[in-house]
Amino acid sequence: MRTVALGRVLTARVTLRIAILVVLVVTVIVVVLRPTDVPAFRAEGQPVALPPPGRLVAVDGDEFEGILVGLRGSPVIVNVWASWCTPCRSEAPLLARAARESPDVVIVGVASRDTTEAAQQFMREFDMDYVNVFDGTDEIRNRLDVRGFPTTYVFDAGGDLVSTVQGGITDRALAASIEEVT
């Protein structure tokens, strides 16, 4: 009886290991086979003045791109967030602190898939006194090809997208991103 139970445990462990291996192999295949000819996002259009920090300003896709065009010459970190997003709550204090401590980098928040009231409350709660815009039409989210919340985009001073962090950004990853573009 004990031998049968032990055999079942060992079979379950082997099955679990095989399942994990299959998931890893599929993940690697998906990453390797991802199309590489997809152009990276690059803002186009006429420069638009930066909205006032600490306030939530509704903008459309063209205005958002104009803001990024107007920021050329400065490194920019764009963070797409939502008030209901748990990882967004974890990273919000990190971004607020980075905005205060890294004046050479412009941080722009994009509230998306949210209500203005909830987004404004979120900004107050986390003392987000840097520039934030509201994407009420999903135009910005679609242009950036956001796959989930939060997503952080790092642009160099020339306006080129140099990295993307999907999911919550850590203090270490944020510092590395800032260092990468300054």
Protein backbone atom coordinates (compact mmCIF):
# COMPACT_ATOMS: atom_id res chain seq x y z
CA MET A 1 0.00 0.00 0.00
CA ARG A 2 2.83 2.41 0.90
CA THR A 3 4.64 1.57 -2.32
CA VAL A 4 1.57 2.48 -4.40
CA ALA A 5 1.18 5.83 -2.58
CA LEU A 6 4.89 6.57 -3.01
CA GLY A 7 4.62 5.71 -6.69
CA ARG A 8 1.71 8.13 -7.10
CA VAL A 9 3.65 10.93 -5.38
CA LEU A 10 6.67 10.35 -7.59
CA THR A 11 4.46 10.24 -10.71
CA ALA A 12 2.81 13.51 -9.67
CA ARG A 13 6.20 15.17 -9.15
CA VAL A 14 7.47 14.00 -12.54
CA THR A 15 4.25 15.20 -14.20
CA LEU A 16 4.60 18.60 -12.51
CA ARG A 17 8.23 18.91 -13.65
CA ILE A 18 7.27 18.00 -17.21
CA ALA A 19 4.46 20.58 -17.14
CA ILE A 20 6.83 23.27 -15.90
CA LEU A 21 9.35 22.34 -18.59
CA VAL A 22 6.66 22.53 -21.28
CA VAL A 23 5.56 25.97 -20.08
CA LEU A 24 9.16 27.20 -20.14
CA VAL A 25 9.78 25.83 -23.63
CA VAL A 26 6.57 27.39 -24.97
CA THR A 27 7.49 30.73 -23.37
CA VAL A 28 10.93 30.68 -24.98
CA ILE A 29 9.42 29.79 -28.36
CA VAL A 30 6.89 32.63 -28.12
CA VAL A 31 9.61 35.14 -27.21
CA VAL A 32 12.00 33.94 -29.92
CA LEU A 33 9.35 33.83 -32.63
CA ARG A 34 7.86 37.22 -31.76
CA PRO A 35 8.03 39.41 -34.88
CA THR A 36 11.07 41.68 -34.77
CA ASP A 37 10.02 43.90 -37.66
CA VAL A 38 7.29 45.58 -35.61
CA PRO A 39 8.38 49.21 -35.33
CA ALA A 40 8.87 50.61 -31.85
CA PHE A 41 6.57 53.43 -30.81
CA ARG A 42 7.90 56.86 -31.75
CA ALA A 43 5.83 59.96 -31.09
CA GLU A 44 5.06 62.10 -34.13
CA GLY A 45 3.35 65.42 -34.71
CA GLN A 46 3.59 68.97 -33.49
CA PRO A 47 4.97 69.66 -30.00
CA VAL A 48 2.35 70.24 -27.32
CA ALA A 49 3.07 72.01 -24.04
CA LEU A 50 3.47 69.81 -20.98
CA PRO A 51 0.32 69.86 -18.82
CA PRO A 52 0.69 71.17 -15.27
CA PRO A 53 2.11 68.67 -12.78
CA GLY A 54 -0.10 67.28 -10.05
CA ARG A 55 -3.31 67.64 -12.05
CA LEU A 56 -5.04 65.05 -14.21
CA VAL A 57 -5.53 66.39 -17.71
CA ALA A 58 -7.58 64.51 -20.34
CA VAL A 59 -5.74 64.25 -23.66
CA ASP A 60 -6.28 62.30 -26.85
CA GLY A 61 -3.68 60.25 -28.70
CA ASP A 62 -2.43 63.14 -30.87
CA GLU A 63 -2.05 65.45 -27.87
CA PHE A 64 -0.17 62.74 -25.97
CA GLU A 65 2.23 62.22 -28.86
CA GLY A 66 2.65 66.01 -29.09
CA ILE A 67 3.58 66.09 -25.40
CA LEU A 68 6.29 63.48 -26.03
CA VAL A 69 7.53 65.38 -29.11
CA GLY A 70 7.69 68.54 -26.99
CA LEU A 71 9.80 66.68 -24.40
CA ARG A 72 12.53 65.70 -26.88
CA GLY A 73 15.83 66.72 -25.41
CA SER A 74 14.88 65.17 -22.06
CA PRO A 75 14.67 61.51 -21.09
CA VAL A 76 11.06 60.51 -20.42
CA ILE A 77 9.47 57.69 -18.47
CA VAL A 78 5.81 57.02 -19.29
CA ASN A 79 3.89 54.91 -16.80
CA VAL A 80 0.45 53.63 -17.77
CA TRP A 81 -1.59 52.92 -14.64
CA ALA A 82 -5.08 52.49 -13.23
CA SER A 83 -6.34 53.10 -9.71
CA TRP A 84 -7.81 49.58 -9.43
CA CYS A 85 -4.49 47.92 -10.36
CA THR A 86 -2.70 46.34 -7.38
CA PRO A 87 0.84 46.49 -8.87
CA CYS A 88 0.16 50.14 -9.78
CA ARG A 89 -0.41 50.85 -6.09
CA SER A 90 2.94 49.24 -5.25
CA GLU A 91 4.93 51.23 -7.79
CA ALA A 92 3.19 54.61 -7.37
CA PRO A 93 5.34 55.71 -4.39
CA LEU A 94 8.50 54.72 -6.29
CA LEU A 95 7.53 56.81 -9.30
CA ALA A 96 6.54 59.79 -7.13
CA ARG A 97 9.89 59.64 -5.34
CA ALA A 98 11.79 59.26 -8.63
CA ALA A 99 10.00 62.31 -10.03
CA ARG A 100 11.18 64.36 -7.04
CA GLU A 101 14.73 62.94 -6.92
CA SER A 102 15.52 62.76 -10.66
CA PRO A 103 14.86 66.21 -12.12
CA ASP A 104 16.72 65.33 -15.35
CA VAL A 105 14.05 62.75 -16.23
CA VAL A 106 10.45 63.70 -16.97
CA ILE A 107 7.93 61.21 -15.63
CA VAL A 108 4.51 61.20 -17.28
CA GLY A 109 1.71 59.11 -15.86
CA VAL A 110 -1.15 57.90 -18.04
CA ALA A 111 -4.33 56.93 -16.20
CA SER A 112 -6.24 54.52 -18.41
CA ARG A 113 -9.30 52.28 -18.13
CA ASP A 114 -10.35 54.26 -15.08
CA THR A 115 -12.67 57.06 -13.98
CA THR A 116 -11.31 60.55 -13.51
CA GLU A 117 -12.56 60.60 -9.91
CA ALA A 118 -10.81 57.35 -8.97
CA ALA A 119 -7.64 58.40 -10.79
CA GLN A 120 -7.55 61.79 -9.05
CA GLN A 121 -8.03 60.12 -5.66
CA PHE A 122 -5.19 57.70 -6.49
CA MET A 123 -2.93 60.64 -7.39
CA ARG A 124 -3.72 62.38 -4.10
CA GLU A 125 -3.20 59.18 -2.10
CA PHE A 126 0.27 58.62 -3.54
CA ASP A 127 1.32 62.29 -3.80
CA MET A 128 1.80 62.03 -7.55
CA ASP A 129 2.81 65.62 -8.14
CA TYR A 130 4.30 64.95 -11.57
CA VAL A 131 2.52 65.22 -14.93
CA ASN A 132 -0.39 62.82 -15.38
CA VAL A 133 -2.80 62.60 -18.29
CA PHE A 134 -6.12 60.81 -18.57
CA ASP A 135 -6.70 58.39 -21.44
CA GLY A 136 -10.49 58.33 -21.49
CA THR A 137 -10.73 56.97 -25.04
CA ASP A 138 -8.01 54.27 -24.92
CA GLU A 139 -6.21 56.04 -27.80
CA ILE A 140 -2.98 56.37 -25.82
CA ARG A 141 -3.16 52.80 -24.54
CA ASN A 142 -3.72 51.53 -28.09
CA ARG A 143 -0.92 53.60 -29.62
CA LEU A 144 1.52 52.37 -26.99
CA ASP A 145 0.21 48.81 -27.44
CA VAL A 146 -0.33 48.38 -23.70
CA ARG A 147 -0.86 44.68 -22.92
CA GLY A 148 -1.53 45.02 -19.19
CA PHE A 149 -1.36 47.29 -16.18
CA PRO A 150 0.96 48.80 -15.26
CA THR A 151 3.34 49.22 -18.19
CA THR A 152 6.32 51.58 -18.12
CA TYR A 153 8.03 52.96 -21.24
CA VAL A 154 11.49 54.51 -21.11
CA PHE A 155 12.44 57.01 -23.82
CA ASP A 156 15.88 58.52 -24.33
CA ALA A 157 16.40 62.25 -24.89
CA GLY A 158 16.06 61.74 -28.64
CA GLY A 159 12.56 60.34 -28.22
CA ASP A 160 13.51 56.73 -28.95
CA LEU A 161 11.89 53.97 -26.91
CA VAL A 162 14.75 52.15 -25.18
CA SER A 163 12.90 49.77 -22.88
CA THR A 164 9.49 48.63 -21.70
CA VAL A 165 8.61 47.13 -18.34
CA GLN A 166 5.34 45.20 -18.28
CA GLY A 167 3.95 44.71 -14.81
CA GLY A 168 4.97 46.51 -11.66
CA ILE A 169 8.35 48.20 -11.78
CA THR A 170 10.68 47.66 -8.85
CA ASP A 171 12.85 50.28 -7.21
CA ARG A 172 15.93 48.62 -8.73
CA ALA A 173 14.43 48.43 -12.25
CA LEU A 174 13.31 52.06 -12.05
CA ALA A 175 16.79 53.19 -10.96
CA ALA A 176 18.34 51.17 -13.80
CA SER A 177 15.92 52.70 -16.30
CA ILE A 178 16.76 56.21 -15.12
CA GLU A 179 20.46 55.45 -15.27
CA GLU A 180 20.05 54.04 -18.77
CA VAL A 181 18.74 57.33 -20.16
CA THR A 182 20.69 59.90 -18.16
